[in-house]
C-alpha atoms as a PDB file:
ATOM      1  CA  MET A   1       1.650 -12.477  20.301  1.00  0.00           C
ATOM      2  CA  ALA A   2       1.645  -8.935  18.946  1.00  0.00           C
ATOM      3  CA  ASP A   3       2.233  -5.871  21.110  1.00  0.00           C
ATOM      4  CA  VAL A   4      -0.860  -3.882  22.064  1.00  0.00           C
ATOM      5  CA  ILE A   5      -0.303  -0.340  20.810  1.00  0.00           C
ATOM      6  CA  ASP A   6      -2.246   2.926  20.853  1.00  0.00           C
ATOM      7  CA  TYR A   7      -2.227   5.306  17.903  1.00  0.00           C
ATOM      8  CA  LYS A   8      -3.521   8.555  16.401  1.00  0.00           C
ATOM      9  CA  VAL A   9      -3.915   9.429  12.725  1.00  0.00           C
ATOM     10  CA  TYR A  10      -3.211  13.055  11.801  1.00  0.00           C
ATOM     11  CA  GLY A  11      -3.912  14.979   8.618  1.00  0.00           C
ATOM     12  CA  ASP A  12      -6.357  14.743   5.769  1.00  0.00           C
ATOM     13  CA  ASP A  13      -4.891  13.967   2.335  1.00  0.00           C
ATOM     14  CA  MET A  14      -1.280  13.402   3.419  1.00  0.00           C
ATOM     15  CA  GLN A  15      -1.723  11.552   6.674  1.00  0.00           C
ATOM     16  CA  ILE A  16       0.660  10.280   9.318  1.00  0.00           C
ATOM     17  CA  VAL A  17       0.056   7.734  12.062  1.00  0.00           C
ATOM     18  CA  GLU A  18       1.654   8.338  15.450  1.00  0.00           C
ATOM     19  CA  VAL A  19       2.081   5.181  17.515  1.00  0.00           C
ATOM     20  CA  GLU A  20       2.293   5.328  21.313  1.00  0.00           C
ATOM     21  CA  LEU A  21       4.505   2.699  22.926  1.00  0.00           C
ATOM     22  CA  ASP A  22       4.892   1.474  26.491  1.00  0.00           C
ATOM     23  CA  PRO A  23       8.330   0.311  27.695  1.00  0.00           C
ATOM     24  CA  GLY A  24       9.312  -2.872  25.855  1.00  0.00           C
ATOM     25  CA  GLU A  25       6.760  -2.415  23.076  1.00  0.00           C
ATOM     26  CA  GLY A  26       7.667  -2.047  19.424  1.00  0.00           C
ATOM     27  CA  VAL A  27       6.309  -1.375  15.964  1.00  0.00           C
ATOM     28  CA  ARG A  28       7.544  -2.694  12.602  1.00  0.00           C
ATOM     29  CA  ALA A  29       7.694  -0.672   9.404  1.00  0.00           C
ATOM     30  CA  GLU A  30       9.178  -0.679   5.941  1.00  0.00           C
ATOM     31  CA  ALA A  31      12.564   1.019   5.707  1.00  0.00           C
ATOM     32  CA  GLY A  32      12.128   4.734   5.053  1.00  0.00           C
ATOM     33  CA  ALA A  33       8.566   5.055   6.408  1.00  0.00           C
ATOM     34  CA  MET A  34       9.511   6.679   9.735  1.00  0.00           C
ATOM     35  CA  MET A  35       8.833  10.417  10.089  1.00  0.00           C
ATOM     36  CA  TYR A  36       9.994  11.112  13.668  1.00  0.00           C
ATOM     37  CA  MET A  37      10.616   9.316  16.942  1.00  0.00           C
ATOM     38  CA  GLU A  38      11.158  10.347  20.537  1.00  0.00           C
ATOM     39  CA  GLU A  39      14.079   9.694  22.857  1.00  0.00           C
ATOM     40  CA  GLY A  40      14.336   6.120  24.090  1.00  0.00           C
ATOM     41  CA  ILE A  41      13.238   4.456  20.856  1.00  0.00           C
ATOM     42  CA  GLN A  42      15.840   2.241  19.220  1.00  0.00           C
ATOM     43  CA  MET A  43      15.868   1.079  15.606  1.00  0.00           C
ATOM     44  CA  GLN A  44      16.584  -2.573  14.838  1.00  0.00           C
ATOM     45  CA  THR A  45      16.798  -3.282  11.092  1.00  0.00           C
ATOM     46  CA  SER A  46      16.706  -6.867   9.829  1.00  0.00           C
ATOM     47  CA  THR A  47      15.248  -9.018   7.077  1.00  0.00           C
ATOM     48  CA  GLY A  48      12.370  -9.849   9.409  1.00  0.00           C
ATOM     49  CA  GLY A  49      12.739 -13.626   9.260  1.00  0.00           C
ATOM     50  CA  GLY A  50      15.859 -14.466   7.297  1.00  0.00           C
ATOM     51  CA  LEU A  51      17.109 -13.881   3.757  1.00  0.00           C
ATOM     52  CA  PHE A  52      14.182 -15.713   2.190  1.00  0.00           C
ATOM     53  CA  SER A  53      11.692 -13.374   3.873  1.00  0.00           C
ATOM     54  CA  GLY A  54      13.672 -10.394   2.615  1.00  0.00           C
ATOM     55  CA  PHE A  55      13.711 -11.702  -0.952  1.00  0.00           C
ATOM     56  CA  LYS A  56       9.970 -12.396  -0.855  1.00  0.00           C
ATOM     57  CA  ARG A  57       9.326  -8.784   0.126  1.00  0.00           C
ATOM     58  CA  MET A  58      11.514  -7.595  -2.735  1.00  0.00           C
ATOM     59  CA  ILE A  59       9.225  -9.493  -5.123  1.00  0.00           C
ATOM     60  CA  THR A  60       6.316  -7.367  -3.908  1.00  0.00           C
ATOM     61  CA  GLY A  61       8.263  -4.158  -4.571  1.00  0.00           C
ATOM     62  CA  GLU A  62       8.918  -3.480  -0.884  1.00  0.00           C
ATOM     63  CA  SER A  63      12.218  -3.000   0.891  1.00  0.00           C
ATOM     64  CA  PHE A  64      14.465  -6.008   1.548  1.00  0.00           C
ATOM     65  CA  PHE A  65      14.614  -4.940   5.204  1.00  0.00           C
ATOM     66  CA  ILE A  66      12.071  -4.410   7.976  1.00  0.00           C
ATOM     67  CA  THR A  67      12.830  -1.968  10.800  1.00  0.00           C
ATOM     68  CA  THR A  68      11.564  -2.513  14.346  1.00  0.00           C
ATOM     69  CA  PHE A  69      11.226   0.569  16.547  1.00  0.00           C
ATOM     70  CA  LEU A  70      11.577  -0.642  20.141  1.00  0.00           C
ATOM     71  CA  TYR A  71      10.885   1.637  23.100  1.00  0.00           C
ATOM     72  CA  ASN A  72      13.314   1.185  25.989  1.00  0.00           C
ATOM     73  CA  GLY A  73      12.508   4.368  27.907  1.00  0.00           C
ATOM     74  CA  SER A  74      10.118   5.087  30.768  1.00  0.00           C
ATOM     75  CA  GLY A  75       6.568   6.368  30.515  1.00  0.00           C
ATOM     76  CA  LYS A  76       5.263   6.678  26.951  1.00  0.00           C
ATOM     77  CA  GLY A  77       7.254   6.850  23.722  1.00  0.00           C
ATOM     78  CA  HIS A  78       6.002   7.994  20.326  1.00  0.00           C
ATOM     79  CA  VAL A  79       7.070   7.221  16.778  1.00  0.00           C
ATOM     80  CA  ALA A  80       5.313   8.422  13.613  1.00  0.00           C
ATOM     81  CA  PHE A  81       5.123   7.095  10.062  1.00  0.00           C
ATOM     82  CA  GLY A  82       4.174   9.105   6.993  1.00  0.00           C
ATOM     83  CA  ALA A  83       2.084   8.128   3.988  1.00  0.00           C
ATOM     84  CA  PRO A  84       4.151   7.954   0.765  1.00  0.00           C
ATOM     85  CA  TYR A  85       1.612   9.776  -1.469  1.00  0.00           C
ATOM     86  CA  PRO A  86      -1.816  11.499  -1.152  1.00  0.00           C
ATOM     87  CA  GLY A  87      -4.477   9.259   0.311  1.00  0.00           C
ATOM     88  CA  LYS A  88      -5.591   7.760   3.605  1.00  0.00           C
ATOM     89  CA  ILE A  89      -4.114   5.525   6.302  1.00  0.00           C
ATOM     90  CA  ILE A  90      -6.398   2.597   7.180  1.00  0.00           C
ATOM     91  CA  PRO A  91      -6.052   1.011  10.658  1.00  0.00           C
ATOM     92  CA  VAL A  92      -6.666  -2.744  10.541  1.00  0.00           C
ATOM     93  CA  LYS A  93      -7.288  -4.659  13.773  1.00  0.00           C
ATOM     94  CA  LEU A  94      -6.173  -8.117  12.686  1.00  0.00           C
ATOM     95  CA  SER A  95      -7.918  -9.896  15.573  1.00  0.00           C
ATOM     96  CA  GLU A  96     -11.245  -8.888  13.967  1.00  0.00           C
ATOM     97  CA  PHE A  97     -10.276 -10.825  10.816  1.00  0.00           C
ATOM     98  CA  GLY A  98      -9.086 -14.041  12.413  1.00  0.00           C
ATOM     99  CA  GLY A  99      -5.478 -12.847  12.483  1.00  0.00           C
ATOM    100  CA  LYS A 100      -5.069 -12.592   8.687  1.00  0.00           C
ATOM    101  CA  PHE A 101      -5.642  -9.801   6.175  1.00  0.00           C
ATOM    102  CA  LEU A 102      -4.590  -9.399   2.531  1.00  0.00           C
ATOM    103  CA  CYS A 103      -3.471  -6.115   0.978  1.00  0.00           C
ATOM    104  CA  GLN A 104      -1.901  -4.754  -2.196  1.00  0.00           C
ATOM    105  CA  LYS A 105       1.839  -5.243  -2.603  1.00  0.00           C
ATOM    106  CA  ASP A 106       2.718  -1.611  -1.757  1.00  0.00           C
ATOM    107  CA  ALA A 107      -0.055  -0.835   0.757  1.00  0.00           C
ATOM    108  CA  PHE A 108       1.644  -1.885   4.009  1.00  0.00           C
ATOM    109  CA  LEU A 109       2.870   1.021   6.156  1.00  0.00           C
ATOM    110  CA  CYS A 110       3.551  -0.335   9.666  1.00  0.00           C
ATOM    111  CA  ALA A 111       2.285  -2.804  12.264  1.00  0.00           C
ATOM    112  CA  ALA A 112       2.684  -3.760  15.902  1.00  0.00           C
ATOM    113  CA  ARG A 113       5.682  -5.936  16.684  1.00  0.00           C
ATOM    114  CA  GLY A 114       4.576  -9.556  16.372  1.00  0.00           C
ATOM    115  CA  VAL A 115       2.657  -9.041  13.130  1.00  0.00           C
ATOM    116  CA  GLU A 116       4.261 -10.917  10.239  1.00  0.00           C
ATOM    117  CA  ILE A 117       4.326  -9.578   6.675  1.00  0.00           C
ATOM    118  CA  GLU A 118       4.304 -12.357   4.106  1.00  0.00           C
ATOM    119  CA  VAL A 119       3.801 -12.700   0.353  1.00  0.00           C
ATOM    120  CA  ALA A 120       0.510 -14.171  -0.870  1.00  0.00           C
ATOM    121  CA  PHE A 121      -0.062 -15.302  -4.454  1.00  0.00           C
ATOM    122  CA  THR A 122      -3.290 -15.829  -6.343  1.00  0.00           C
ATOM    123  CA  ARG A 123      -4.226 -19.438  -6.957  1.00  0.00           C
ATOM    124  CA  LYS A 124      -3.966 -19.349 -10.756  1.00  0.00           C
ATOM    125  CA  LEU A 125      -0.549 -19.291 -12.387  1.00  0.00           C
ATOM    126  CA  GLY A 126      -1.859 -17.375 -15.410  1.00  0.00           C
ATOM    127  CA  ALA A 127      -2.717 -14.419 -13.206  1.00  0.00           C
ATOM    128  CA  GLY A 128       0.907 -14.260 -12.172  1.00  0.00           C
ATOM    129  CA  PHE A 129       2.125 -13.640 -15.701  1.00  0.00           C
ATOM    130  CA  PHE A 130      -0.670 -11.385 -16.914  1.00  0.00           C
ATOM    131  CA  GLY A 131      -2.479  -9.941 -13.898  1.00  0.00           C
ATOM    132  CA  GLY A 132      -0.179  -6.980 -13.405  1.00  0.00           C
ATOM    133  CA  GLU A 133      -0.272  -5.209 -10.070  1.00  0.00           C
ATOM    134  CA  GLY A 134      -3.187  -7.300  -8.811  1.00  0.00           C
ATOM    135  CA  PHE A 135      -1.248 -10.549  -8.800  1.00  0.00           C
ATOM    136  CA  ILE A 136       1.136 -10.199  -5.881  1.00  0.00           C
ATOM    137  CA  LEU A 137      -0.431  -9.534  -2.496  1.00  0.00           C
ATOM    138  CA  GLN A 138       0.867  -9.162   1.020  1.00  0.00           C
ATOM    139  CA  ARG A 139      -0.590 -11.213   3.859  1.00  0.00           C
ATOM    140  CA  LEU A 140      -0.526  -9.628   7.324  1.00  0.00           C
ATOM    141  CA  GLU A 141      -0.637 -12.244  10.092  1.00  0.00           C
ATOM    142  CA  GLY A 142      -0.982 -11.707  13.823  1.00  0.00           C
ATOM    143  CA  MET A 143      -3.471 -10.455  16.397  1.00  0.00           C
ATOM    144  CA  GLY A 144      -2.309  -6.839  16.659  1.00  0.00           C
ATOM    145  CA  MET A 145      -2.791  -3.560  14.797  1.00  0.00           C
ATOM    146  CA  ALA A 146      -1.582  -2.984  11.261  1.00  0.00           C
ATOM    147  CA  PHE A 147      -1.770   0.133   9.108  1.00  0.00           C
ATOM    148  CA  ILE A 148      -2.109   0.192   5.345  1.00  0.00           C
ATOM    149  CA  HIS A 149      -2.122   3.160   2.981  1.00  0.00           C
ATOM    150  CA  ALA A 150      -4.360   3.814  -0.009  1.00  0.00           C
ATOM    151  CA  GLY A 151      -4.507   6.601  -2.597  1.00  0.00           C
ATOM    152  CA  GLY A 152      -7.292   9.093  -3.238  1.00  0.00           C
ATOM    153  CA  THR A 153     -10.768   8.385  -1.870  1.00  0.00           C
ATOM    154  CA  ILE A 154     -11.244   5.186   0.130  1.00  0.00           C
ATOM    155  CA  ILE A 155     -14.355   3.034  -0.168  1.00  0.00           C
ATOM    156  CA  LYS A 156     -15.127   0.446   2.512  1.00  0.00           C
ATOM    157  CA  ARG A 157     -17.541  -2.294   1.414  1.00  0.00           C
ATOM    158  CA  GLU A 158     -18.976  -5.195   3.397  1.00  0.00           C
ATOM    159  CA  LEU A 159     -19.887  -7.859   0.851  1.00  0.00           C
ATOM    160  CA  SER A 160     -22.500 -10.513   1.443  1.00  0.00           C
ATOM    161  CA  ALA A 161     -22.226 -14.038   0.077  1.00  0.00           C
ATOM    162  CA  ARG A 162     -24.332 -12.954  -2.912  1.00  0.00           C
ATOM    163  CA  ASP A 163     -22.223  -9.913  -3.828  1.00  0.00           C
ATOM    164  CA  THR A 164     -19.707  -9.851  -6.674  1.00  0.00           C
ATOM    165  CA  LEU A 165     -17.614  -6.893  -7.848  1.00  0.00           C
ATOM    166  CA  ARG A 166     -15.303  -6.512 -10.840  1.00  0.00           C
ATOM    167  CA  VAL A 167     -12.556  -4.069  -9.906  1.00  0.00           C
ATOM    168  CA  ASP A 168      -9.512  -2.595 -11.592  1.00  0.00           C
ATOM    169  CA  THR A 169      -6.657  -4.580 -10.063  1.00  0.00           C
ATOM    170  CA  GLY A 170      -4.884  -1.452  -8.850  1.00  0.00           C
ATOM    171  CA  CYS A 171      -7.990  -0.103  -7.093  1.00  0.00           C
ATOM    172  CA  LEU A 172      -8.253  -3.049  -4.725  1.00  0.00           C
ATOM    173  CA  VAL A 173      -6.382  -2.089  -1.533  1.00  0.00           C
ATOM    174  CA  GLY A 174      -7.101  -4.900   0.906  1.00  0.00           C
ATOM    175  CA  PHE A 175      -9.652  -7.487   1.948  1.00  0.00           C
ATOM    176  CA  SER A 176     -10.399 -10.183   4.489  1.00  0.00           C
ATOM    177  CA  THR A 177      -9.366 -13.751   3.700  1.00  0.00           C
ATOM    178  CA  SER A 178     -13.025 -14.837   3.512  1.00  0.00           C
ATOM    179  CA  VAL A 179     -13.303 -12.924   0.221  1.00  0.00           C
ATOM    180  CA  ASP A 180     -12.762 -14.964  -2.948  1.00  0.00           C
ATOM    181  CA  TYR A 181     -10.341 -13.177  -5.294  1.00  0.00           C
ATOM    182  CA  ASP A 182      -9.422 -13.942  -8.885  1.00  0.00           C
ATOM    183  CA  ILE A 183      -8.190 -12.134 -12.015  1.00  0.00           C
ATOM    184  CA  GLN A 184     -10.047 -12.328 -15.308  1.00  0.00           C
ATOM    185  CA  PHE A 185      -9.212 -11.114 -18.803  1.00  0.00           C
ATOM    186  CA  VAL A 186     -11.271  -8.248 -20.202  1.00  0.00           C
ATOM    187  CA  GLY A 187     -13.187  -9.774 -23.115  1.00  0.00           C
ATOM    188  CA  GLY A 188     -12.965  -8.342 -26.613  1.00  0.00           C
ATOM    189  CA  PHE A 189      -9.942  -7.063 -28.522  1.00  0.00           C
ATOM    190  CA  LYS A 190     -11.145  -3.452 -28.667  1.00  0.00           C
ATOM    191  CA  ASN A 191     -11.986  -3.435 -24.949  1.00  0.00           C
ATOM    192  CA  ALA A 192      -8.554  -4.735 -24.071  1.00  0.00           C
ATOM    193  CA  MET A 193      -6.547  -2.500 -26.387  1.00  0.00           C
ATOM    194  CA  PHE A 194      -8.548   0.726 -26.537  1.00  0.00           C
ATOM    195  CA  GLY A 195     -10.869   0.738 -23.543  1.00  0.00           C
ATOM    196  CA  GLY A 196      -8.567   2.904 -21.465  1.00  0.00           C
ATOM    197  CA  GLU A 197      -8.560   0.394 -18.591  1.00  0.00           C
ATOM    198  CA  GLY A 198      -6.283  -2.490 -17.708  1.00  0.00           C
ATOM    199  CA  MET A 199      -6.479  -5.737 -19.660  1.00  0.00           C
ATOM    200  CA  PHE A 200      -7.386  -7.626 -16.487  1.00  0.00           C
ATOM    201  CA  LEU A 201      -9.950  -7.059 -13.752  1.00  0.00           C
ATOM    202  CA  ALA A 202     -10.132  -8.486 -10.250  1.00  0.00           C
ATOM    203  CA  THR A 203     -13.339 -10.407  -9.567  1.00  0.00           C
ATOM    204  CA  ILE A 204     -14.270 -10.138  -5.897  1.00  0.00           C
ATOM    205  CA  LYS A 205     -16.889 -12.376  -4.305  1.00  0.00           C
ATOM    206  CA  GLY A 206     -18.176 -12.105  -0.746  1.00  0.00           C
ATOM    207  CA  PRO A 207     -18.659 -12.557   2.069  1.00  0.00           C
ATOM    208  CA  GLY A 208     -16.148 -10.241   3.673  1.00  0.00           C
ATOM    209  CA  LEU A 209     -14.768  -6.724   3.951  1.00  0.00           C
ATOM    210  CA  ILE A 210     -12.899  -4.951   1.157  1.00  0.00           C
ATOM    211  CA  TYR A 211     -11.208  -1.563   0.800  1.00  0.00           C
ATOM    212  CA  LEU A 212     -11.021   0.197  -2.575  1.00  0.00           C
ATOM    213  CA  GLN A 213      -8.950   3.228  -3.609  1.00  0.00           C
ATOM    214  CA  SER A 214      -9.731   5.784  -6.308  1.00  0.00           C
ATOM    215  CA  LEU A 215      -6.103   6.677  -7.067  1.00  0.00           C
ATOM    216  CA  PRO A 216      -3.641   3.761  -7.241  1.00  0.00           C
ATOM    217  CA  PHE A 217      -0.042   4.954  -7.123  1.00  0.00           C
ATOM    218  CA  SER A 218       0.645   3.268 -10.482  1.00  0.00           C
ATOM    219  CA  ARG A 219      -2.054   5.402 -12.116  1.00  0.00           C
ATOM    220  CA  LEU A 220      -0.642   8.580 -10.579  1.00  0.00           C
ATOM    221  CA  ALA A 221       2.875   7.643 -11.669  1.00  0.00           C
ATOM    222  CA  ASP A 222       1.694   6.936 -15.226  1.00  0.00           C
ATOM    223  CA  ARG A 223       0.087  10.385 -15.478  1.00  0.00           C
ATOM    224  CA  ILE A 224       3.207  12.135 -14.178  1.00  0.00           C
ATOM    225  CA  PHE A 225       5.437  10.146 -16.527  1.00  0.00           C
ATOM    226  CA  ALA A 226       3.189  10.883 -19.505  1.00  0.00           C
ATOM    227  CA  ALA A 227       3.138  14.601 -18.696  1.00  0.00           C
ATOM    228  CA  SER A 228       6.908  14.783 -18.286  1.00  0.00           C
ATOM    229  CA  ARG A 229       7.477  12.878 -21.532  1.00  0.00           C
ATOM    230  CA  PHE A 230       5.079  15.223 -23.357  1.00  0.00           C
ATOM    231  CA  SER A 231       6.892  18.306 -22.093  1.00  0.00           C
ATOM    232  CA  GLY A 232      10.236  16.837 -23.088  1.00  0.00           C
ATOM    233  CA  ARG A 233       9.246  16.634 -26.795  1.00  0.00           C
ATOM    234  CA  GLY A 234       8.779  20.405 -27.070  1.00  0.00           C
ATOM    235  CA  GLU A 235       5.139  20.023 -28.163  1.00  0.00           C
ATOM    236  CA  GLN A 236       3.531  21.901 -25.303  1.00  0.00           C
ATOM    237  CA  LYS A 237       1.222  24.755 -26.252  1.00  0.00           C
ATOM    238  CA  GLY A 238      -0.723  27.407 -24.339  1.00  0.00           C
ATOM    239  CA  VAL A 239      -1.702  26.771 -20.738  1.00  0.00           C
ATOM    240  CA  ALA A 240      -1.222  23.017 -21.063  1.00  0.00           C
ATOM    241  CA  GLY A 241       2.258  23.639 -22.417  1.00  0.00           C
ATOM    242  CA  ILE A 242       3.129  25.934 -19.528  1.00  0.00           C
ATOM    243  CA  GLY A 243       1.912  23.345 -17.002  1.00  0.00           C
ATOM    244  CA  GLY A 244       3.709  20.529 -18.810  1.00  0.00           C
ATOM    245  CA  GLY A 245       6.891  22.553 -19.057  1.00  0.00           C
ATOM    246  CA  LEU A 246       6.740  23.414 -15.372  1.00  0.00           C
ATOM    247  CA  LEU A 247       6.229  19.786 -14.380  1.00  0.00           C
ATOM    248  CA  GLY A 248       8.972  18.686 -16.756  1.00  0.00           C
ATOM    249  CA  GLY A 249      11.310  21.258 -15.241  1.00  0.00           C
ATOM    250  CA  ILE A 250      10.577  20.064 -11.724  1.00  0.00           C
ATOM    251  CA  LEU A 251      11.041  16.401 -12.598  1.00  0.00           C
ATOM    252  CA  GLY A 252      14.137  17.214 -14.636  1.00  0.00           C
ATOM    253  CA  GLY A 253      15.766  19.204 -11.875  1.00  0.00           C
ATOM    254  CA  ASP A 254      15.401  22.644 -13.546  1.00  0.00           C
ATOM    255  CA  ASN A 255      16.147  25.264 -10.906  1.00  0.00           C
ATOM    256  CA  SER A 256      15.721  28.290 -13.155  1.00  0.00           C
ATOM    257  CA  PHE A 257      12.493  29.474 -11.507  1.00  0.00           C
END
């Protein structure tokens, strides 16, 4: 049984969630997600279910360890967790989804103690080798609150049994287990190689709830990497060159300005 926790979300584009704990209550989070905590809260870091659980989380790109923040004081205790990049924090009440919810491999932020974080794979083996970031998912199990993070603008869609969406695999943040999810190859050589999108799309069929994000972290990272690589070749010109050089200097540790 998961702890019953209260919370507040602060901010706009770089949000934090502050969790309020009663004595004996706790919240679990990935290592490094904590922003601040009050007196009386103790940190307990573990693999969250043995070595195998830790290794499964490493597959998803998350930390090997899970940290539990347990409040042993009197009255109310508060601990806050910060979003890793610009976007929104999405509260998910797992009891409204039958105790299970699926999310992208790097979307999980924190959850009430008693919520388990597992690895979920798509049904088709081929998607595992070629589906990219859409292949490996995290399954949140329990009846408490969980918080996931998404980049850019967030779209919440309630799909009926007749609805089908084809989505860039990185733009799919999370969805209820009633949603049918698969990965399909983008047809046509020119579409796949020169279309500017990924080679695979996620096909989503209702019924159920889905969350979409406009700015997957992988897309943001690709743009930053491309800009820094461009500035490093000495090809920058004009305003674009100044911006690229500035970004390259920041990423390269240039402290001359």
